[in-house]
Amino acid sequence: MNLKLIITFTKITLYMRRLLLLLLIGFAVSLTSCRNDLDFETSNGGLRFSKDTVYLDTVFTNIGSSTYTLKVYNRSDKNISIPTVRLSKGSASKYRLMVDGMAGQEFENVEMLAKDSMYIFVSVTADVAAANPTDFLYTDQILFGDGINQQKVELVTLIQDAIFLYPQKFSDGTTETLPIGDDEIYGFFLDEADPTNGNELHWTNTKPYVVYGYAAVPSTKTLVVDAGARVHFHAESGLIVANNASIHVNGTNSTTTALENEVIFEGDRLEPDFAEVPGQWGTIWLTQGSTNNQISNLTIKNATVGLLVTGNDGTSTPTLDINNTQIYNCSNVGILARTGNIEGRNMVINNCGQASFAGSFGGSYDFTHCTFANYWSSPSQTAIVLSNENLSETDETELIQANFKNCIVYTSSNLGISLQKEGATFNFNFDHCLIKFANSGNQFASNPLYDFSGSNYTNCLIATSSNVNRPYFKNPTNNELMIGEDSAARESADNTYSTFNDILNNPRIGATDIGAYNWTTFD
């Protein structure tokens, strides 16, 4: 090997040694840096929280709440380890936590990186007996760390006692069902002498009722609902009034905003986020042959169909007599009547997916001083549908009468009414009503059902656009259907029909107003 080659090889060897040394030094520095990044100091109590108190909304006794979140911040530039995150009441607590994806009531050495945050999820299931007997609040604390560095976040829940109505579970594991035609549904008959609840056919205002499945009123029996009663239906639940059975809802006028005498039917989700959500439960079903149904001062909210009235009892008197009743936020229809027989006064219906009132397969209907509005967020919904379409080629379904006197019929869409005539008997009349009907493109100009100068319409105000004959509702998207002083409905009613107070129990005197409410000055 010549001298030049030896010198070159020696230089390469020295270079490789230096490069290896530099790589080893860099690797050592890297290890040191990583070790520092993963070092965690014990928390010194400097955590910050998204809230000092987590208020879990009202829940029924022994019914689980929704899940709520608390965000915890490490605003320091150091990684920290929280020695413990636990509930003050420990394993006896009715609250449940989830921290770092793990569920429990106590967690140790919870690590947080510098400038990082984490979520803690909180839920509760508690019996009213565990709550404070004076205010029914159930409380606890989430404790972070120990000793002088300990921090805390309060937990507060209102527990509401209730009467629970649900199908019986049998020893073989099956549950009680109700026969509906050839099918069966999850449900049960209400009992006058239930061993737990006593008389289930008398709903009082002492405690709210929570219904699971469909509760049925047996034949020949009457369900009586007292003024001020609160009834909550679980998902896919409702009430059925059987053949030859009745329901009497005996609400009265309230004098305070607490609506102390109003009867309210709604879902069982009490959180504010669910207060106006449609379709949370099923319906109140008045079946074929149910009779002498009377409803006063009832509010129905957030159902699929508010009232389903199928058939009538075969007499000349109404199957359903209903007054001072409000129906809101139904995902399908407010009142769906099939060959029904209904008489109504001071009714207000709004925000329904298809129609506020649908009288299908004929029937007999008489409404006075009612407000049929529909501000559902859709271009195709309507307020009133009338149809005498036959169930089959052999069935006769006559619309014996459909009278609307001093009623507002108004929607956010163009058409407030939809008339669908199939047979010869199709009797309807709108008398002194305010009707939204913006006939875009004159598509109904040749249809005699919509001849507003004809005999089916008596002194009606037709809102041909959103700026003509406006009702001036206070806030229809929030179901506030009171009319203002500039309303076209003001002093436009026929006084001969105004023989009873308005829905707020204000007297109708002098020149009266169309709709369920007297006009008022808005704040």
Protein backbone atom coordinates (compact mmCIF):
# COMPACT_ATOMS: atom_id res chain seq x y z
CA MET A 1 0.00 0.00 0.00
CA ASN A 2 1.58 3.36 -0.99
CA LEU A 3 2.06 6.22 1.42
CA LYS A 4 -0.58 8.45 -0.16
CA LEU A 5 -3.27 5.79 0.24
CA ILE A 6 -2.31 5.23 3.90
CA ILE A 7 -2.60 8.94 4.67
CA THR A 8 -6.02 9.13 2.99
CA PHE A 9 -7.33 6.11 4.93
CA THR A 10 -6.09 7.57 8.19
CA LYS A 11 -7.95 10.86 7.56
CA ILE A 12 -11.17 9.01 6.78
CA THR A 13 -10.83 6.99 9.99
CA LEU A 14 -10.30 10.13 12.06
CA TYR A 15 -13.29 11.78 10.38
CA MET A 16 -15.52 8.82 11.11
CA ARG A 17 -14.45 8.78 14.77
CA ARG A 18 -15.25 12.49 15.13
CA LEU A 19 -18.59 12.02 13.42
CA LEU A 20 -19.43 9.11 15.70
CA LEU A 21 -18.45 11.18 18.74
CA LEU A 22 -20.71 14.03 17.62
CA LEU A 23 -23.61 11.63 17.06
CA LEU A 24 -23.14 10.14 20.53
CA ILE A 25 -23.07 13.62 22.11
CA GLY A 26 -26.20 14.63 20.18
CA PHE A 27 -27.99 11.45 21.21
CA ALA A 28 -27.11 12.05 24.86
CA VAL A 29 -28.37 15.61 24.67
CA SER A 30 -31.55 14.35 23.03
CA LEU A 31 -32.11 11.83 25.80
CA THR A 32 -31.59 14.51 28.41
CA SER A 33 -34.04 16.81 26.64
CA CYS A 34 -36.69 14.07 26.35
CA ARG A 35 -36.25 13.18 29.97
CA ASN A 36 -36.82 16.81 30.95
CA ASP A 37 -39.94 16.97 28.74
CA LEU A 38 -41.39 13.94 30.49
CA ASP A 39 -40.57 15.03 34.02
CA PHE A 40 -43.70 15.78 36.07
CA GLU A 41 -43.83 17.89 39.20
CA THR A 42 -46.47 17.48 41.85
CA SER A 43 -49.26 20.01 41.37
CA ASN A 44 -48.95 22.97 43.73
CA GLY A 45 -52.63 23.98 43.54
CA GLY A 46 -52.39 26.26 40.52
CA LEU A 47 -55.04 24.56 38.40
CA ARG A 48 -57.70 26.64 36.71
CA PHE A 49 -61.24 25.51 35.92
CA SER A 50 -63.90 26.38 33.35
CA LYS A 51 -66.37 26.83 36.22
CA ASP A 52 -66.29 26.83 40.01
CA THR A 53 -69.58 24.92 40.27
CA VAL A 54 -71.06 22.34 37.91
CA TYR A 55 -74.85 22.64 38.00
CA LEU A 56 -76.44 19.46 36.72
CA ASP A 57 -79.99 20.22 35.69
CA THR A 58 -83.00 18.83 37.53
CA VAL A 59 -83.35 15.05 37.34
CA PHE A 60 -86.03 12.67 38.52
CA THR A 61 -85.23 10.42 41.43
CA ASN A 62 -83.18 7.36 40.38
CA ILE A 63 -83.08 8.49 36.73
CA GLY A 64 -79.63 9.18 35.31
CA SER A 65 -78.72 12.68 34.21
CA SER A 66 -77.09 13.86 31.03
CA THR A 67 -73.31 14.10 31.05
CA TYR A 68 -71.79 17.49 31.88
CA THR A 69 -68.24 18.71 31.29
CA LEU A 70 -65.65 20.47 33.40
CA LYS A 71 -62.46 21.69 31.74
CA VAL A 72 -59.25 21.75 33.82
CA TYR A 73 -56.30 23.92 32.76
CA ASN A 74 -52.59 23.70 33.54
CA ARG A 75 -51.48 27.21 32.63
CA SER A 76 -47.95 26.77 33.97
CA ASP A 77 -44.91 26.00 31.79
CA LYS A 78 -44.24 22.78 33.72
CA ASN A 79 -45.63 19.28 33.43
CA ILE A 80 -47.57 18.42 36.55
CA SER A 81 -48.97 15.36 38.25
CA ILE A 82 -52.15 15.74 40.31
CA PRO A 83 -51.81 13.28 43.22
CA THR A 84 -55.56 12.56 43.36
CA VAL A 85 -58.75 13.58 41.61
CA ARG A 86 -61.67 12.30 43.63
CA LEU A 87 -65.20 12.88 44.83
CA SER A 88 -65.48 14.17 48.38
CA LYS A 89 -68.07 11.53 49.29
CA GLY A 90 -65.94 8.80 47.80
CA SER A 91 -67.60 5.54 46.86
CA ALA A 92 -70.82 6.68 48.58
CA SER A 93 -71.27 9.52 46.09
CA LYS A 94 -74.10 9.38 43.59
CA TYR A 95 -71.99 11.25 41.06
CA ARG A 96 -69.83 9.55 38.45
CA LEU A 97 -66.67 10.90 36.84
CA MET A 98 -64.70 10.09 33.72
CA VAL A 99 -61.08 11.25 33.67
CA ASP A 100 -58.63 10.40 30.86
CA GLY A 101 -61.13 7.93 29.45
CA MET A 102 -61.51 6.05 32.72
CA ALA A 103 -64.71 5.97 34.76
CA GLY A 104 -64.69 6.01 38.53
CA GLN A 105 -64.83 8.13 41.67
CA GLU A 106 -61.13 8.43 42.50
CA PHE A 107 -58.04 8.71 40.27
CA GLU A 108 -54.37 8.89 41.25
CA ASN A 109 -51.39 10.64 39.65
CA VAL A 110 -53.29 12.34 36.87
CA GLU A 111 -50.70 13.89 34.57
CA MET A 112 -51.03 17.12 32.59
CA LEU A 113 -48.50 18.60 30.19
CA ALA A 114 -47.44 22.23 30.39
CA LYS A 115 -49.96 24.69 28.94
CA ASP A 116 -52.40 21.83 28.45
CA SER A 117 -55.99 21.11 29.49
CA MET A 118 -58.26 18.11 30.03
CA TYR A 119 -61.96 17.37 30.26
CA ILE A 120 -63.72 15.75 33.21
CA PHE A 121 -67.17 14.32 32.49
CA VAL A 122 -69.76 14.32 35.29
CA SER A 123 -73.14 12.57 35.63
CA VAL A 124 -75.43 11.63 38.50
CA THR A 125 -78.14 9.15 39.49
CA ALA A 126 -79.59 9.88 42.90
CA ASP A 127 -82.63 9.10 45.00
CA VAL A 128 -84.54 12.02 46.45
CA ALA A 129 -83.85 10.54 49.90
CA ALA A 130 -80.17 11.38 49.40
CA ALA A 131 -80.90 15.06 48.79
CA ASN A 132 -81.14 17.84 51.35
CA PRO A 133 -84.71 17.55 52.73
CA THR A 134 -85.24 21.32 52.74
CA ASP A 135 -84.33 22.15 49.14
CA PHE A 136 -83.92 18.69 47.50
CA LEU A 137 -80.41 19.56 46.36
CA TYR A 138 -77.86 16.79 46.14
CA THR A 139 -74.28 18.07 46.36
CA ASP A 140 -70.70 16.86 46.33
CA GLN A 141 -67.24 18.15 45.41
CA ILE A 142 -64.48 17.15 43.02
CA LEU A 143 -61.22 17.42 45.00
CA PHE A 144 -57.91 17.98 43.22
CA GLY A 145 -54.79 17.11 45.24
CA ASP A 146 -54.37 16.99 49.02
CA GLY A 147 -53.37 19.17 51.96
CA ILE A 148 -52.74 22.88 51.56
CA ASN A 149 -52.60 22.59 47.76
CA GLN A 150 -56.02 20.99 47.47
CA GLN A 151 -58.52 22.62 45.10
CA LYS A 152 -62.21 21.87 44.65
CA VAL A 153 -65.13 22.26 42.28
CA GLU A 154 -68.70 22.08 43.62
CA LEU A 155 -71.34 19.73 42.15
CA VAL A 156 -75.03 20.60 42.56
CA THR A 157 -78.16 18.76 41.34
CA LEU A 158 -81.84 19.24 42.08
CA ILE A 159 -83.55 15.88 42.62
CA GLN A 160 -87.27 15.79 41.90
CA ASP A 161 -89.45 13.06 43.33
CA ALA A 162 -91.99 11.54 40.97
CA ILE A 163 -94.54 8.81 40.43
CA PHE A 164 -93.31 6.33 37.84
CA LEU A 165 -95.76 4.47 35.63
CA TYR A 166 -94.41 1.61 33.51
CA PRO A 167 -95.26 -1.90 32.23
CA GLN A 168 -94.99 -4.79 34.66
CA LYS A 169 -92.06 -7.17 34.27
CA PHE A 170 -93.00 -10.83 34.69
CA SER A 171 -91.02 -13.63 36.34
CA ASP A 172 -90.17 -15.18 32.97
CA GLY A 173 -88.41 -11.99 31.88
CA THR A 174 -91.15 -10.70 29.58
CA THR A 175 -92.91 -7.37 30.06
CA GLU A 176 -96.49 -6.24 29.87
CA THR A 177 -97.76 -5.21 26.42
CA LEU A 178 -100.91 -3.71 24.92
CA PRO A 179 -102.74 -5.31 21.96
CA ILE A 180 -103.11 -2.85 19.06
CA GLY A 181 -104.91 -4.65 16.25
CA ASP A 182 -102.75 -7.62 15.31
CA ASP A 183 -99.69 -6.08 16.98
CA GLU A 184 -98.53 -5.48 20.52
CA ILE A 185 -96.74 -2.43 21.88
CA TYR A 186 -94.76 -1.76 25.04
CA GLY A 187 -97.45 -0.54 27.40
CA PHE A 188 -99.88 -1.25 30.23
CA PHE A 189 -103.37 -0.50 31.57
CA LEU A 190 -103.70 2.04 34.36
CA ASP A 191 -105.00 0.45 37.57
CA GLU A 192 -107.37 1.93 40.15
CA ALA A 193 -105.72 -0.10 42.93
CA ASP A 194 -102.05 -0.41 42.00
CA PRO A 195 -100.08 -1.82 44.98
CA THR A 196 -97.38 0.85 44.60
CA ASN A 197 -99.09 3.93 43.14
CA GLY A 198 -102.65 3.51 44.40
CA ASN A 199 -105.24 4.96 42.02
CA GLU A 200 -103.44 5.40 38.70
CA LEU A 201 -106.61 6.77 37.08
CA HIS A 202 -106.39 9.97 39.12
CA TRP A 203 -103.34 12.12 38.39
CA THR A 204 -102.86 14.82 41.01
CA ASN A 205 -100.52 17.80 41.31
CA THR A 206 -98.62 16.53 44.38
CA LYS A 207 -95.80 14.94 42.35
CA PRO A 208 -94.98 14.81 38.65
CA TYR A 209 -95.70 11.63 36.73
CA VAL A 210 -93.15 9.89 34.52
CA VAL A 211 -94.58 7.44 31.98
CA TYR A 212 -92.61 4.66 30.31
CA GLY A 213 -94.33 2.97 27.38
CA TYR A 214 -97.98 3.63 26.56
CA ALA A 215 -100.32 4.00 29.53
CA ALA A 216 -103.87 2.96 28.60
CA VAL A 217 -107.19 3.97 30.12
CA PRO A 218 -109.31 0.77 30.28
CA SER A 219 -112.76 0.55 28.76
CA THR A 220 -115.56 2.13 30.86
CA LYS A 221 -112.95 4.01 32.96
CA THR A 222 -112.05 7.70 33.07
CA LEU A 223 -108.61 9.18 33.67
CA VAL A 224 -108.97 12.38 35.71
CA VAL A 225 -106.06 14.85 35.63
CA ASP A 226 -106.13 17.60 38.25
CA ALA A 227 -105.22 21.25 37.68
CA GLY A 228 -101.48 21.83 38.03
CA ALA A 229 -100.51 18.24 37.19
CA ARG A 230 -97.18 17.69 35.40
CA VAL A 231 -96.81 14.59 33.23
CA HIS A 232 -93.54 13.56 31.55
CA PHE A 233 -93.40 10.92 28.84
CA HIS A 234 -90.26 8.94 28.04
CA ALA A 235 -89.18 8.42 24.43
CA GLU A 236 -91.69 6.34 22.42
CA SER A 237 -94.24 6.64 25.21
CA GLY A 238 -97.67 8.20 25.47
CA LEU A 239 -101.27 7.79 26.56
CA ILE A 240 -104.07 5.72 24.98
CA VAL A 241 -107.77 6.16 25.75
CA ALA A 242 -109.51 2.91 24.86
CA ASN A 243 -112.94 2.18 23.39
CA ASN A 244 -115.67 3.44 25.73
CA ALA A 245 -113.05 5.11 27.99
CA SER A 246 -112.55 8.83 28.67
CA ILE A 247 -110.00 11.41 29.74
CA HIS A 248 -110.85 14.56 31.69
CA VAL A 249 -108.06 17.13 31.94
CA ASN A 250 -109.25 19.69 34.50
CA GLY A 251 -106.74 22.52 34.21
CA THR A 252 -107.83 26.04 35.10
CA ASN A 253 -106.52 29.54 34.53
CA SER A 254 -103.25 30.43 36.27
CA THR A 255 -102.48 33.75 37.89
CA THR A 256 -98.66 33.58 37.85
CA THR A 257 -95.93 32.77 35.33
CA ALA A 258 -95.41 29.46 37.16
CA LEU A 259 -98.64 28.28 35.47
CA GLU A 260 -99.70 26.73 38.74
CA ASN A 261 -103.07 25.57 37.41
CA GLU A 262 -102.04 24.56 33.89
CA VAL A 263 -101.70 20.85 33.13
CA ILE A 264 -98.51 20.16 31.16
CA PHE A 265 -97.70 17.06 29.09
CA GLU A 266 -94.10 16.96 27.84
CA GLY A 267 -90.99 14.76 27.59
CA ASP A 268 -88.91 13.54 30.52
CA ARG A 269 -85.70 15.37 29.58
CA LEU A 270 -85.59 18.29 32.01
CA GLU A 271 -82.40 19.93 30.74
CA PRO A 272 -82.92 23.41 29.20
CA ASP A 273 -81.42 22.22 25.90
CA PHE A 274 -84.43 19.91 25.50
CA ALA A 275 -87.10 22.44 26.44
CA GLU A 276 -88.24 23.03 22.84
CA VAL A 277 -87.01 19.91 21.00
CA PRO A 278 -89.79 18.27 18.92
CA GLY A 279 -90.53 14.55 18.79
CA GLN A 280 -89.29 13.53 22.24
CA TRP A 281 -92.29 11.27 22.90
CA GLY A 282 -95.28 9.74 21.13
CA THR A 283 -98.85 10.99 21.39
CA ILE A 284 -102.12 11.20 23.29
CA TRP A 285 -104.29 8.76 21.34
CA LEU A 286 -108.09 8.93 21.62
CA THR A 287 -109.00 5.67 19.91
CA GLN A 288 -112.14 4.72 18.00
CA GLY A 289 -115.02 4.57 20.48
CA SER A 290 -113.46 6.66 23.22
CA THR A 291 -116.12 9.02 24.47
CA ASN A 292 -116.81 12.18 26.46
CA ASN A 293 -113.19 13.37 26.37
CA GLN A 294 -112.84 16.80 27.95
CA ILE A 295 -109.65 18.88 28.01
CA SER A 296 -109.19 22.31 29.61
CA ASN A 297 -106.03 24.37 30.11
CA LEU A 298 -103.57 21.80 28.85
CA THR A 299 -100.17 22.43 27.27
CA ILE A 300 -98.72 19.66 25.09
CA LYS A 301 -95.07 20.07 24.11
CA ASN A 302 -92.46 18.26 22.06
CA ALA A 303 -94.51 15.22 21.00
CA THR A 304 -94.55 13.44 17.66
CA VAL A 305 -98.31 13.99 17.33
CA GLY A 306 -99.90 16.09 20.07
CA LEU A 307 -103.38 14.57 19.90
CA LEU A 308 -104.33 11.63 17.70
CA VAL A 309 -108.13 11.37 17.43
CA THR A 310 -109.25 8.32 15.46
CA GLY A 311 -112.96 7.93 14.81
CA ASN A 312 -115.80 9.04 17.05
CA ASP A 313 -118.24 7.52 19.47
CA GLY A 314 -121.12 7.47 16.99
CA THR A 315 -123.15 10.14 18.79
CA SER A 316 -123.93 13.70 17.80
CA THR A 317 -121.92 15.12 20.70
CA PRO A 318 -118.20 15.78 20.23
CA THR A 319 -115.83 12.94 21.04
CA LEU A 320 -113.42 15.62 22.21
CA ASP A 321 -114.37 18.95 23.75
CA ILE A 322 -111.18 21.00 24.14
CA ASN A 323 -110.56 24.58 25.24
CA ASN A 324 -107.74 26.86 26.44
CA THR A 325 -105.17 24.40 25.15
CA GLN A 326 -101.72 24.97 23.62
CA ILE A 327 -99.85 22.47 21.46
CA TYR A 328 -96.27 23.19 20.41
CA ASN A 329 -93.26 21.59 18.73
CA CYS A 330 -94.78 18.40 17.33
CA SER A 331 -92.50 16.74 14.82
CA ASN A 332 -95.48 15.64 12.69
CA VAL A 333 -98.92 17.11 13.49
CA GLY A 334 -100.40 19.07 16.39
CA ILE A 335 -103.85 17.47 16.19
CA LEU A 336 -104.32 14.60 13.75
CA ALA A 337 -107.99 13.67 13.47
CA ARG A 338 -109.23 10.73 11.40
CA THR A 339 -113.02 10.87 11.02
CA GLY A 340 -112.96 12.72 14.33
CA ASN A 341 -115.62 14.76 16.09
CA ILE A 342 -114.01 17.73 17.85
CA GLU A 343 -115.24 21.01 19.26
CA GLY A 344 -112.54 23.49 20.29
CA ARG A 345 -112.25 27.01 21.71
CA ASN A 346 -109.23 29.15 22.52
CA MET A 347 -106.72 26.71 21.07
CA VAL A 348 -103.20 27.70 20.03
CA ILE A 349 -101.08 25.35 17.91
CA ASN A 350 -97.66 26.14 16.41
CA ASN A 351 -94.37 24.70 15.17
CA CYS A 352 -95.42 21.34 13.73
CA GLY A 353 -93.51 19.44 11.07
CA GLN A 354 -96.42 18.91 8.67
CA ALA A 355 -99.58 20.64 9.92
CA SER A 356 -100.98 22.19 13.06
CA PHE A 357 -104.41 20.61 12.52
CA ALA A 358 -105.18 17.83 10.06
CA GLY A 359 -108.77 16.65 9.69
CA SER A 360 -108.44 13.57 7.52
CA PHE A 361 -110.92 10.92 6.30
CA GLY A 362 -113.74 13.38 6.84
CA GLY A 363 -115.25 14.02 10.26
CA SER A 364 -116.95 16.87 12.11
CA TYR A 365 -115.03 19.86 13.48
CA ASP A 366 -116.02 23.16 15.01
CA PHE A 367 -113.39 25.68 16.20
CA THR A 368 -113.98 29.15 17.60
CA HIS A 369 -111.39 31.82 18.50
CA CYS A 370 -108.41 29.55 17.81
CA THR A 371 -104.94 30.34 16.50
CA PHE A 372 -103.58 27.77 14.05
CA ALA A 373 -100.06 28.94 13.30
CA ASN A 374 -97.10 27.06 11.92
CA TYR A 375 -93.60 28.52 11.93
CA TRP A 376 -91.79 25.21 11.47
CA SER A 377 -88.54 25.77 9.56
CA SER A 378 -89.74 24.26 6.29
CA PRO A 379 -91.18 25.78 3.10
CA SER A 380 -93.96 23.19 2.81
CA GLN A 381 -95.66 23.00 6.21
CA THR A 382 -99.18 24.34 6.64
CA ALA A 383 -101.60 25.23 9.41
CA ILE A 384 -104.82 23.39 8.47
CA VAL A 385 -105.36 20.33 6.28
CA LEU A 386 -108.89 19.12 5.47
CA SER A 387 -109.40 15.89 3.55
CA ASN A 388 -112.16 13.38 2.94
CA GLU A 389 -109.95 10.90 1.12
CA ASN A 390 -111.34 7.38 1.33
CA LEU A 391 -109.54 4.67 3.27
CA SER A 392 -110.57 2.23 0.55
CA GLU A 393 -112.84 2.15 -2.47
CA THR A 394 -115.74 0.87 -0.34
CA ASP A 395 -115.43 3.31 2.58
CA GLU A 396 -117.37 6.57 2.69
CA THR A 397 -115.60 9.32 4.60
CA GLU A 398 -117.69 12.45 4.67
CA LEU A 399 -116.50 15.82 5.87
CA ILE A 400 -119.77 16.57 7.61
CA GLN A 401 -118.60 19.97 8.76
CA ALA A 402 -115.42 21.91 9.40
CA ASN A 403 -116.31 25.29 10.83
CA PHE A 404 -113.68 27.85 11.76
CA LYS A 405 -115.04 31.01 13.41
CA ASN A 406 -112.87 33.99 14.42
CA CYS A 407 -109.70 31.93 13.85
CA ILE A 408 -106.20 32.92 12.75
CA VAL A 409 -104.73 30.51 10.19
CA TYR A 410 -101.19 31.64 9.46
CA THR A 411 -97.83 30.13 8.59
CA SER A 412 -94.29 31.12 7.67
CA SER A 413 -94.87 29.30 4.35
CA ASN A 414 -97.16 30.57 1.62
CA LEU A 415 -100.25 28.45 2.23
CA GLY A 416 -102.12 28.36 5.53
CA ILE A 417 -104.74 25.88 4.34
CA SER A 418 -104.67 22.70 2.24
CA LEU A 419 -108.05 21.37 1.04
CA GLN A 420 -108.22 17.88 -0.46
CA LYS A 421 -111.68 16.92 -1.69
CA GLU A 422 -112.24 13.33 -2.84
CA GLY A 423 -115.94 12.61 -2.28
CA ALA A 424 -119.19 14.50 -2.62
CA THR A 425 -119.56 15.55 1.03
CA PHE A 426 -116.97 18.20 1.79
CA ASN A 427 -118.54 20.87 3.97
CA PHE A 428 -116.30 23.59 5.36
CA ASN A 429 -116.62 27.24 6.28
CA PHE A 430 -114.23 29.95 7.45
CA ASP A 431 -116.14 32.79 9.12
CA HIS A 432 -114.34 36.01 10.08
CA CYS A 433 -110.93 34.35 9.89
CA LEU A 434 -107.49 35.69 9.02
CA ILE A 435 -105.95 33.23 6.53
CA LYS A 436 -102.46 33.19 5.02
CA PHE A 437 -102.73 32.25 1.34
CA ALA A 438 -100.04 33.61 -0.95
CA ASN A 439 -101.05 32.00 -4.25
CA SER A 440 -97.70 32.05 -5.99
CA GLY A 441 -98.12 31.83 -9.75
CA ASN A 442 -101.92 31.72 -9.36
CA GLN A 443 -101.75 27.92 -9.28
CA PHE A 444 -105.03 27.72 -7.34
CA ALA A 445 -106.88 30.43 -9.27
CA SER A 446 -109.24 27.95 -10.96
CA ASN A 447 -109.82 25.78 -7.87
CA PRO A 448 -113.25 26.60 -6.40
CA LEU A 449 -112.15 25.37 -2.94
CA TYR A 450 -110.00 28.50 -2.72
CA ASP A 451 -112.58 31.00 -3.97
CA PHE A 452 -112.36 33.42 -1.05
CA SER A 453 -115.34 35.38 -2.32
CA GLY A 454 -117.52 32.27 -2.34
CA SER A 455 -119.93 30.80 0.17
CA ASN A 456 -117.23 28.84 2.04
CA TYR A 457 -115.65 32.07 3.27
CA THR A 458 -117.48 34.76 5.23
CA ASN A 459 -115.81 38.14 5.80
CA CYS A 460 -112.29 36.65 5.92
CA LEU A 461 -109.02 38.57 5.78
CA ILE A 462 -106.66 36.93 3.28
CA ALA A 463 -102.95 37.48 3.78
CA THR A 464 -101.76 37.30 0.18
CA SER A 465 -98.21 38.06 1.26
CA SER A 466 -96.21 38.49 4.47
CA ASN A 467 -96.93 42.23 4.39
CA VAL A 468 -100.68 42.08 3.84
CA ASN A 469 -103.15 41.44 6.70
CA ARG A 470 -100.38 40.51 9.11
CA PRO A 471 -101.36 39.10 12.52
CA TYR A 472 -98.31 40.70 14.17
CA PHE A 473 -97.54 37.88 16.55
CA LYS A 474 -95.22 38.72 19.42
CA ASN A 475 -92.60 36.03 18.75
CA PRO A 476 -94.01 33.10 16.79
CA THR A 477 -90.75 31.13 16.55
CA ASN A 478 -90.79 31.00 20.36
CA ASN A 479 -94.50 30.10 20.46
CA GLU A 480 -95.60 33.54 21.63
CA LEU A 481 -98.74 33.98 19.52
CA MET A 482 -100.20 37.04 21.24
CA ILE A 483 -101.20 39.71 18.72
CA GLY A 484 -100.06 43.34 18.83
CA GLU A 485 -101.96 46.59 18.46
CA ASP A 486 -101.15 46.77 14.72
CA SER A 487 -102.55 43.30 14.01
CA ALA A 488 -105.06 42.94 11.19
CA ALA A 489 -106.92 40.58 13.53
CA ARG A 490 -107.62 43.40 15.96
CA GLU A 491 -111.34 44.21 16.24
CA SER A 492 -112.06 42.10 13.14
CA ALA A 493 -113.99 39.23 14.76
CA ASP A 494 -117.71 38.52 14.75
CA ASN A 495 -118.89 39.43 18.26
CA THR A 496 -121.71 36.91 18.16
CA TYR A 497 -119.10 34.17 18.58
CA SER A 498 -117.16 36.01 21.33
CA THR A 499 -119.18 34.74 24.28
CA PHE A 500 -116.24 33.58 26.41
CA ASN A 501 -112.98 35.05 27.70
CA ASP A 502 -109.74 34.74 25.77
CA ILE A 503 -107.14 32.07 26.50
CA LEU A 504 -105.58 34.24 29.24
CA ASN A 505 -109.02 34.67 30.83
CA ASN A 506 -109.26 38.30 29.70
CA PRO A 507 -112.85 39.28 28.86
CA ARG A 508 -113.82 39.88 25.25
CA ILE A 509 -115.75 43.14 25.21
CA GLY A 510 -116.58 45.68 22.54
CA ALA A 511 -115.12 44.99 19.11
CA THR A 512 -113.35 41.66 19.57
CA ASP A 513 -110.23 40.21 18.00
CA ILE A 514 -109.69 37.20 15.77
CA GLY A 515 -107.73 34.35 17.35
CA ALA A 516 -107.26 32.98 20.84
CA TYR A 517 -105.74 36.14 22.34
CA ASN A 518 -106.99 39.67 22.83
CA TRP A 519 -104.58 42.18 21.34
CA THR A 520 -101.98 43.67 23.68
CA THR A 521 -99.15 46.18 23.68
CA PHE A 522 -95.79 44.40 23.59
CA ASP A 523 -92.97 45.39 25.94
